[in-house]
């Protein structure tokens, strides 16, 4: 399988936006997603790539998924933590090892000088939870709390 990972370009915007909207259909408990939010994310990360990146997953020239990656410095871990904010593989390409290859790629490349990765997974997404545990992710000792403005 010829799988590649490359930076997002504005030519990808329509297809990646559609995948972003679909991701949130599958996770109805999250905040509603909109095209305005996807465009704001594209603009923010293309304008300031030190904040993070969007990577596109391709197989044989076709986009099969994407990931939004956010960087932040951790005093506790002494380096850049990479927050996998979104990781999406199109339904027709799931269970083919694409997400696993992507996470291995990030680790092997030490993408953005990462010292660790973190992500969130919906409590209703058993398939993704199983994948992440199999990749070595573990529940962190701290609970994530959220306060909306």
N, C-alpha and C. Protein backbone atom coordinates (compact mmCIF):
# COMPACT_ATOMS: atom_id res chain seq x y z
N UNK A 1 0.85 -1.17 0.00
CA UNK A 1 0.00 0.00 0.00
C UNK A 1 0.89 1.24 0.00
N UNK A 2 0.75 2.07 -0.99
CA UNK A 2 1.54 3.28 -1.13
C UNK A 2 0.84 4.42 -0.38
N UNK A 3 1.19 4.58 0.89
CA UNK A 3 0.56 5.58 1.73
C UNK A 3 1.55 6.70 2.00
N UNK A 4 1.11 7.94 1.79
CA UNK A 4 1.98 9.09 2.06
C UNK A 4 1.24 10.09 2.95
N UNK A 5 2.04 10.89 3.64
CA UNK A 5 1.52 11.94 4.51
C UNK A 5 2.17 13.23 4.06
N UNK A 6 1.35 14.24 3.83
CA UNK A 6 1.88 15.51 3.34
C UNK A 6 1.14 16.67 3.98
N UNK A 7 1.76 17.85 3.97
CA UNK A 7 1.09 19.02 4.51
C UNK A 7 -0.17 19.37 3.72
N UNK A 8 -1.17 19.84 4.42
CA UNK A 8 -2.39 20.36 3.82
C UNK A 8 -2.08 21.56 2.95
N UNK A 9 -2.79 21.68 1.83
CA UNK A 9 -2.73 22.85 0.96
C UNK A 9 -4.16 23.32 0.72
N UNK A 10 -4.34 24.59 0.42
CA UNK A 10 -5.69 25.12 0.22
C UNK A 10 -6.44 24.40 -0.89
N UNK A 11 -5.74 23.78 -1.83
CA UNK A 11 -6.41 22.98 -2.86
C UNK A 11 -7.16 21.80 -2.25
N UNK A 12 -6.78 21.40 -1.03
CA UNK A 12 -7.42 20.28 -0.33
C UNK A 12 -8.63 20.71 0.48
N UNK A 13 -8.90 22.01 0.55
CA UNK A 13 -9.86 22.55 1.51
C UNK A 13 -11.25 21.92 1.42
N UNK A 14 -11.78 21.78 0.23
CA UNK A 14 -13.14 21.25 0.11
C UNK A 14 -13.23 19.81 0.61
N UNK A 15 -12.27 18.99 0.21
CA UNK A 15 -12.31 17.58 0.61
C UNK A 15 -12.03 17.41 2.10
N UNK A 16 -11.08 18.16 2.63
CA UNK A 16 -10.78 18.05 4.06
C UNK A 16 -11.94 18.62 4.88
N UNK A 17 -12.55 19.70 4.43
CA UNK A 17 -13.72 20.24 5.14
C UNK A 17 -14.83 19.20 5.21
N UNK A 18 -15.08 18.51 4.12
CA UNK A 18 -16.13 17.48 4.11
C UNK A 18 -15.82 16.37 5.12
N UNK A 19 -14.54 15.98 5.22
CA UNK A 19 -14.16 14.95 6.19
C UNK A 19 -14.32 15.48 7.62
N UNK A 20 -13.96 16.75 7.83
CA UNK A 20 -14.12 17.34 9.16
C UNK A 20 -15.58 17.35 9.59
N UNK A 21 -16.46 17.73 8.68
CA UNK A 21 -17.89 17.72 9.00
C UNK A 21 -18.36 16.30 9.30
N UNK A 22 -17.89 15.33 8.55
CA UNK A 22 -18.28 13.94 8.76
C UNK A 22 -17.79 13.41 10.11
N UNK A 23 -16.59 13.82 10.51
CA UNK A 23 -16.06 13.40 11.81
C UNK A 23 -17.03 13.75 12.94
N UNK A 24 -17.59 14.94 12.87
CA UNK A 24 -18.47 15.40 13.94
C UNK A 24 -19.88 14.82 13.85
N UNK A 25 -20.27 14.32 12.70
CA UNK A 25 -21.53 13.58 12.59
C UNK A 25 -21.42 12.29 13.40
N UNK A 26 -20.24 11.66 13.36
CA UNK A 26 -20.01 10.42 14.09
C UNK A 26 -19.79 10.62 15.58
N UNK A 27 -19.65 11.87 16.02
CA UNK A 27 -19.44 12.17 17.44
C UNK A 27 -20.44 13.25 17.84
N UNK A 28 -21.70 12.87 18.00
CA UNK A 28 -22.75 13.87 18.23
C UNK A 28 -22.65 14.62 19.55
N UNK A 29 -21.84 14.17 20.49
CA UNK A 29 -21.72 14.85 21.78
C UNK A 29 -20.80 16.05 21.75
N UNK A 30 -20.04 16.20 20.69
CA UNK A 30 -19.09 17.30 20.61
C UNK A 30 -19.75 18.59 20.18
N UNK A 31 -18.94 19.64 20.12
CA UNK A 31 -19.44 20.93 19.66
C UNK A 31 -19.79 20.82 18.18
N UNK A 32 -20.82 21.52 17.74
CA UNK A 32 -21.19 21.44 16.32
C UNK A 32 -20.07 21.97 15.42
N UNK A 33 -19.87 21.33 14.30
CA UNK A 33 -18.85 21.74 13.35
C UNK A 33 -19.53 22.49 12.21
N UNK A 34 -18.78 23.42 11.60
CA UNK A 34 -19.30 24.20 10.49
C UNK A 34 -18.18 24.47 9.49
N UNK A 35 -18.56 24.85 8.29
CA UNK A 35 -17.56 25.23 7.29
C UNK A 35 -16.78 26.45 7.75
N UNK A 36 -17.42 27.36 8.46
CA UNK A 36 -16.71 28.53 8.98
C UNK A 36 -15.58 28.11 9.92
N UNK A 37 -15.84 27.12 10.77
CA UNK A 37 -14.80 26.65 11.70
C UNK A 37 -13.67 25.97 10.94
N UNK A 38 -14.00 25.18 9.92
CA UNK A 38 -12.93 24.50 9.18
C UNK A 38 -12.04 25.54 8.48
N UNK A 39 -12.65 26.54 7.90
CA UNK A 39 -11.88 27.60 7.21
C UNK A 39 -11.01 28.37 8.20
N UNK A 40 -11.55 28.62 9.40
CA UNK A 40 -10.77 29.33 10.42
C UNK A 40 -9.56 28.48 10.85
N UNK A 41 -9.75 27.18 10.95
CA UNK A 41 -8.64 26.29 11.30
C UNK A 41 -7.57 26.31 10.20
N UNK A 42 -8.01 26.22 8.95
CA UNK A 42 -7.04 26.27 7.84
C UNK A 42 -6.24 27.57 7.91
N UNK A 43 -6.93 28.68 8.07
CA UNK A 43 -6.26 29.98 8.08
C UNK A 43 -5.29 30.09 9.27
N UNK A 44 -5.74 29.67 10.44
CA UNK A 44 -4.90 29.80 11.65
C UNK A 44 -3.63 28.98 11.53
N UNK A 45 -3.73 27.76 11.02
CA UNK A 45 -2.55 26.89 10.98
C UNK A 45 -1.65 27.18 9.78
N UNK A 46 -2.22 27.64 8.69
CA UNK A 46 -1.38 28.03 7.56
C UNK A 46 -0.66 29.35 7.86
N UNK A 47 -1.32 30.25 8.59
CA UNK A 47 -0.74 31.54 8.94
C UNK A 47 0.35 31.41 10.01
N UNK A 48 0.15 30.49 10.95
CA UNK A 48 1.11 30.32 12.05
C UNK A 48 1.40 28.83 12.26
N UNK A 49 2.25 28.26 11.41
CA UNK A 49 2.51 26.82 11.49
C UNK A 49 3.18 26.37 12.79
N UNK A 50 3.71 27.31 13.57
CA UNK A 50 4.26 26.91 14.87
C UNK A 50 3.15 26.47 15.83
N UNK A 51 1.92 26.89 15.58
CA UNK A 51 0.77 26.43 16.37
C UNK A 51 0.46 24.96 16.13
N UNK A 52 0.61 24.55 14.89
CA UNK A 52 0.27 23.18 14.52
C UNK A 52 0.19 23.02 13.03
N UNK A 53 -0.26 21.85 12.63
CA UNK A 53 -0.29 21.49 11.21
C UNK A 53 -1.52 20.65 10.91
N UNK A 54 -1.85 20.62 9.65
CA UNK A 54 -2.81 19.65 9.15
C UNK A 54 -2.04 18.78 8.17
N UNK A 55 -2.10 17.49 8.38
CA UNK A 55 -1.49 16.56 7.43
C UNK A 55 -2.58 15.80 6.71
N UNK A 56 -2.36 15.58 5.43
CA UNK A 56 -3.28 14.84 4.58
C UNK A 56 -2.68 13.47 4.32
N UNK A 57 -3.51 12.45 4.37
CA UNK A 57 -3.09 11.07 4.10
C UNK A 57 -3.55 10.73 2.70
N UNK A 58 -2.62 10.22 1.90
CA UNK A 58 -2.95 9.86 0.52
C UNK A 58 -2.52 8.44 0.22
N UNK A 59 -3.33 7.78 -0.58
CA UNK A 59 -2.96 6.48 -1.12
C UNK A 59 -3.21 6.54 -2.62
N UNK A 60 -2.17 6.28 -3.38
CA UNK A 60 -2.24 6.27 -4.84
C UNK A 60 -2.90 7.55 -5.37
N UNK A 61 -2.52 8.68 -4.78
CA UNK A 61 -2.99 9.97 -5.24
C UNK A 61 -4.35 10.40 -4.72
N UNK A 62 -5.06 9.52 -4.01
CA UNK A 62 -6.38 9.86 -3.47
C UNK A 62 -6.25 10.20 -1.99
N UNK A 63 -6.93 11.25 -1.58
CA UNK A 63 -6.96 11.62 -0.17
C UNK A 63 -7.83 10.61 0.56
N UNK A 64 -7.25 9.99 1.60
CA UNK A 64 -7.97 8.97 2.36
C UNK A 64 -8.22 9.40 3.80
N UNK A 65 -7.61 10.52 4.22
CA UNK A 65 -7.80 10.99 5.59
C UNK A 65 -7.00 12.25 5.84
N UNK A 66 -7.10 12.72 7.07
CA UNK A 66 -6.37 13.92 7.48
C UNK A 66 -6.17 13.86 8.99
N UNK A 67 -5.31 14.73 9.48
CA UNK A 67 -5.13 14.90 10.91
C UNK A 67 -4.79 16.35 11.21
N UNK A 68 -5.40 16.88 12.28
CA UNK A 68 -5.07 18.20 12.79
C UNK A 68 -4.16 17.97 13.99
N UNK A 69 -2.98 18.54 13.94
CA UNK A 69 -1.96 18.36 14.97
C UNK A 69 -1.63 19.70 15.60
N UNK A 70 -1.73 19.78 16.92
CA UNK A 70 -1.49 21.02 17.63
C UNK A 70 -0.27 20.85 18.53
N UNK A 71 0.65 21.81 18.47
CA UNK A 71 1.87 21.78 19.27
C UNK A 71 1.68 22.57 20.56
N UNK A 72 2.22 22.05 21.63
CA UNK A 72 2.36 22.88 22.82
C UNK A 72 3.49 22.37 23.69
N UNK A 73 4.16 23.32 24.32
CA UNK A 73 5.30 23.00 25.17
C UNK A 73 4.80 22.49 26.50
N UNK A 74 5.41 21.43 26.98
CA UNK A 74 5.08 20.89 28.29
C UNK A 74 6.27 21.02 29.22
N UNK A 75 6.09 21.75 30.27
CA UNK A 75 7.12 21.85 31.29
C UNK A 75 7.34 20.48 31.94
N UNK A 76 6.24 19.79 32.21
CA UNK A 76 6.31 18.47 32.86
C UNK A 76 7.15 17.49 32.06
N UNK A 77 6.99 17.47 30.74
CA UNK A 77 7.70 16.51 29.90
C UNK A 77 8.94 17.10 29.24
N UNK A 78 9.16 18.38 29.41
CA UNK A 78 10.38 19.02 28.93
C UNK A 78 10.50 19.09 27.43
N UNK A 79 9.40 19.32 26.75
CA UNK A 79 9.46 19.42 25.31
C UNK A 79 8.09 19.59 24.69
N UNK A 80 8.06 19.45 23.37
CA UNK A 80 6.84 19.67 22.61
C UNK A 80 5.94 18.44 22.68
N UNK A 81 4.72 18.64 23.18
CA UNK A 81 3.70 17.60 23.10
C UNK A 81 2.87 17.85 21.86
N UNK A 82 2.60 16.81 21.15
CA UNK A 82 1.79 16.90 19.95
C UNK A 82 0.40 16.40 20.29
N UNK A 83 -0.56 17.30 20.24
CA UNK A 83 -1.95 16.94 20.50
C UNK A 83 -2.58 16.58 19.16
N UNK A 84 -2.98 15.33 19.03
CA UNK A 84 -3.70 14.90 17.83
C UNK A 84 -5.14 15.35 18.03
N UNK A 85 -5.44 16.53 17.53
CA UNK A 85 -6.76 17.13 17.75
C UNK A 85 -7.83 16.38 16.96
N UNK A 86 -7.51 16.00 15.75
CA UNK A 86 -8.42 15.21 14.92
C UNK A 86 -7.61 14.23 14.10
N UNK A 87 -8.12 13.03 13.99
CA UNK A 87 -7.53 11.99 13.15
C UNK A 87 -8.69 11.28 12.48
N UNK A 88 -8.76 11.39 11.17
CA UNK A 88 -9.91 10.88 10.41
C UNK A 88 -9.43 10.11 9.20
N UNK A 89 -9.99 8.93 9.04
CA UNK A 89 -9.78 8.12 7.85
C UNK A 89 -11.16 7.84 7.24
N UNK A 90 -11.30 8.04 5.94
CA UNK A 90 -12.57 7.81 5.27
C UNK A 90 -13.04 6.37 5.51
N UNK A 91 -14.35 6.21 5.61
CA UNK A 91 -14.94 4.91 5.96
C UNK A 91 -14.45 3.78 5.05
N UNK A 92 -14.31 4.02 3.77
CA UNK A 92 -13.89 2.98 2.83
C UNK A 92 -12.46 2.50 3.06
N UNK A 93 -11.68 3.26 3.83
CA UNK A 93 -10.28 2.94 4.04
C UNK A 93 -9.97 2.53 5.48
N UNK A 94 -10.99 2.46 6.32
CA UNK A 94 -10.76 2.10 7.73
C UNK A 94 -10.42 0.63 7.87
N UNK A 95 -9.79 0.30 8.98
CA UNK A 95 -9.36 -1.07 9.31
C UNK A 95 -8.34 -1.60 8.30
N UNK A 96 -7.56 -0.70 7.72
CA UNK A 96 -6.51 -1.09 6.79
C UNK A 96 -5.13 -0.65 7.28
N UNK A 97 -5.06 -0.22 8.54
CA UNK A 97 -3.78 0.15 9.13
C UNK A 97 -3.32 1.57 8.85
N UNK A 98 -4.17 2.39 8.27
CA UNK A 98 -3.76 3.75 7.90
C UNK A 98 -3.50 4.60 9.14
N UNK A 99 -4.40 4.59 10.09
CA UNK A 99 -4.21 5.39 11.31
C UNK A 99 -2.98 4.90 12.07
N UNK A 100 -2.79 3.59 12.13
CA UNK A 100 -1.61 3.04 12.81
C UNK A 100 -0.32 3.51 12.13
N UNK A 101 -0.29 3.43 10.81
CA UNK A 101 0.89 3.88 10.07
C UNK A 101 1.15 5.36 10.31
N UNK A 102 0.07 6.13 10.41
CA UNK A 102 0.21 7.56 10.64
C UNK A 102 0.86 7.85 12.00
N UNK A 103 0.37 7.20 13.04
CA UNK A 103 0.94 7.40 14.38
C UNK A 103 2.39 6.93 14.41
N UNK A 104 2.69 5.80 13.78
CA UNK A 104 4.08 5.33 13.71
C UNK A 104 4.96 6.34 12.97
N UNK A 105 4.44 6.91 11.90
CA UNK A 105 5.17 7.94 11.15
C UNK A 105 5.51 9.13 12.06
N UNK A 106 4.53 9.61 12.82
CA UNK A 106 4.78 10.75 13.71
C UNK A 106 5.88 10.42 14.71
N UNK A 107 5.84 9.22 15.28
CA UNK A 107 6.85 8.82 16.27
C UNK A 107 8.22 8.68 15.62
N UNK A 108 8.29 7.97 14.50
CA UNK A 108 9.58 7.70 13.85
C UNK A 108 10.23 8.99 13.36
N UNK A 109 9.43 9.92 12.85
CA UNK A 109 9.96 11.18 12.34
C UNK A 109 10.19 12.19 13.46
N UNK A 110 9.77 11.86 14.67
CA UNK A 110 9.77 12.82 15.78
C UNK A 110 9.19 14.15 15.29
N UNK A 111 8.02 14.03 14.70
CA UNK A 111 7.33 15.15 14.06
C UNK A 111 7.29 16.35 14.99
N UNK A 112 7.72 17.50 14.51
CA UNK A 112 7.77 18.76 15.26
C UNK A 112 8.52 18.60 16.59
N UNK A 113 9.54 17.76 16.58
CA UNK A 113 10.38 17.54 17.76
C UNK A 113 9.58 17.08 18.98
N UNK A 114 8.59 16.25 18.74
CA UNK A 114 7.73 15.82 19.83
C UNK A 114 8.47 14.99 20.86
N UNK A 115 8.03 15.13 22.12
CA UNK A 115 8.50 14.27 23.20
C UNK A 115 7.37 13.32 23.62
N UNK A 116 6.19 13.59 23.12
CA UNK A 116 5.04 12.74 23.40
C UNK A 116 3.85 13.19 22.59
N UNK A 117 2.85 12.33 22.54
CA UNK A 117 1.60 12.64 21.84
C UNK A 117 0.43 12.41 22.78
N UNK A 118 -0.62 13.14 22.54
CA UNK A 118 -1.84 12.94 23.29
C UNK A 118 -3.02 13.12 22.36
N UNK A 119 -4.14 12.57 22.75
CA UNK A 119 -5.35 12.72 21.97
C UNK A 119 -6.54 12.49 22.87
N UNK A 120 -7.70 12.81 22.37
CA UNK A 120 -8.95 12.55 23.05
C UNK A 120 -9.73 11.57 22.18
N UNK A 121 -10.51 10.72 22.83
CA UNK A 121 -11.35 9.79 22.08
C UNK A 121 -12.71 9.75 22.75
N UNK A 122 -13.74 9.76 21.94
CA UNK A 122 -15.10 9.72 22.45
C UNK A 122 -15.36 8.39 23.14
N UNK A 123 -16.12 8.44 24.22
CA UNK A 123 -16.41 7.20 24.95
C UNK A 123 -17.32 6.26 24.16
N UNK A 124 -17.90 6.72 23.06
CA UNK A 124 -18.73 5.83 22.24
C UNK A 124 -17.97 5.24 21.06
N UNK A 125 -16.71 5.64 20.87
CA UNK A 125 -15.93 5.17 19.73
C UNK A 125 -15.01 4.02 20.17
N UNK A 126 -15.59 2.85 20.34
CA UNK A 126 -14.84 1.69 20.82
C UNK A 126 -13.73 1.28 19.86
N UNK A 127 -13.98 1.36 18.56
CA UNK A 127 -12.97 0.96 17.57
C UNK A 127 -11.73 1.83 17.68
N UNK A 128 -11.92 3.15 17.77
CA UNK A 128 -10.77 4.06 17.89
C UNK A 128 -10.06 3.85 19.23
N UNK A 129 -10.82 3.69 20.30
CA UNK A 129 -10.22 3.47 21.62
C UNK A 129 -9.31 2.23 21.59
N UNK A 130 -9.80 1.15 21.01
CA UNK A 130 -9.01 -0.08 20.92
C UNK A 130 -7.73 0.16 20.11
N UNK A 131 -7.85 0.87 19.00
CA UNK A 131 -6.68 1.19 18.17
C UNK A 131 -5.64 1.96 18.98
N UNK A 132 -6.07 3.00 19.69
CA UNK A 132 -5.13 3.84 20.42
C UNK A 132 -4.44 3.07 21.54
N UNK A 133 -5.17 2.24 22.25
CA UNK A 133 -4.54 1.43 23.29
C UNK A 133 -3.54 0.45 22.68
N UNK A 134 -3.89 -0.14 21.53
CA UNK A 134 -2.96 -1.06 20.85
C UNK A 134 -1.70 -0.34 20.37
N UNK A 135 -1.80 0.95 20.09
CA UNK A 135 -0.64 1.74 19.66
C UNK A 135 0.22 2.19 20.84
N UNK A 136 -0.25 1.95 22.06
CA UNK A 136 0.54 2.30 23.23
C UNK A 136 0.05 3.51 24.00
N UNK A 137 -1.00 4.17 23.53
CA UNK A 137 -1.56 5.28 24.30
C UNK A 137 -2.14 4.71 25.60
N UNK A 138 -2.02 5.48 26.66
CA UNK A 138 -2.56 5.08 27.95
C UNK A 138 -3.35 6.24 28.53
N UNK A 139 -4.28 5.89 29.39
CA UNK A 139 -5.04 6.94 30.06
C UNK A 139 -4.08 7.71 30.96
N UNK A 140 -4.10 9.02 30.86
CA UNK A 140 -3.21 9.87 31.64
C UNK A 140 -3.69 9.93 33.07
N UNK A 141 -2.76 10.17 33.97
CA UNK A 141 -3.10 10.25 35.39
C UNK A 141 -4.03 11.41 35.70
N UNK A 142 -3.99 12.45 34.88
CA UNK A 142 -4.82 13.63 35.10
C UNK A 142 -6.08 13.56 34.25
N UNK A 143 -7.14 14.08 34.79
CA UNK A 143 -8.41 14.16 34.06
C UNK A 143 -8.43 15.46 33.27
N UNK A 144 -8.97 15.44 32.07
CA UNK A 144 -9.10 16.64 31.27
C UNK A 144 -10.41 17.32 31.64
N UNK A 145 -10.32 18.60 31.98
CA UNK A 145 -11.48 19.41 32.27
C UNK A 145 -11.58 20.51 31.22
N UNK A 146 -12.76 20.99 30.97
CA UNK A 146 -12.96 21.96 29.91
C UNK A 146 -13.92 23.05 30.40
N UNK A 147 -13.60 24.30 30.12
CA UNK A 147 -14.44 25.43 30.44
C UNK A 147 -14.64 26.24 29.17
N UNK A 148 -15.85 26.35 28.73
CA UNK A 148 -16.14 27.12 27.53
C UNK A 148 -16.33 28.58 27.91
N UNK A 149 -15.83 29.48 27.08
CA UNK A 149 -15.93 30.92 27.41
C UNK A 149 -17.36 31.40 27.45
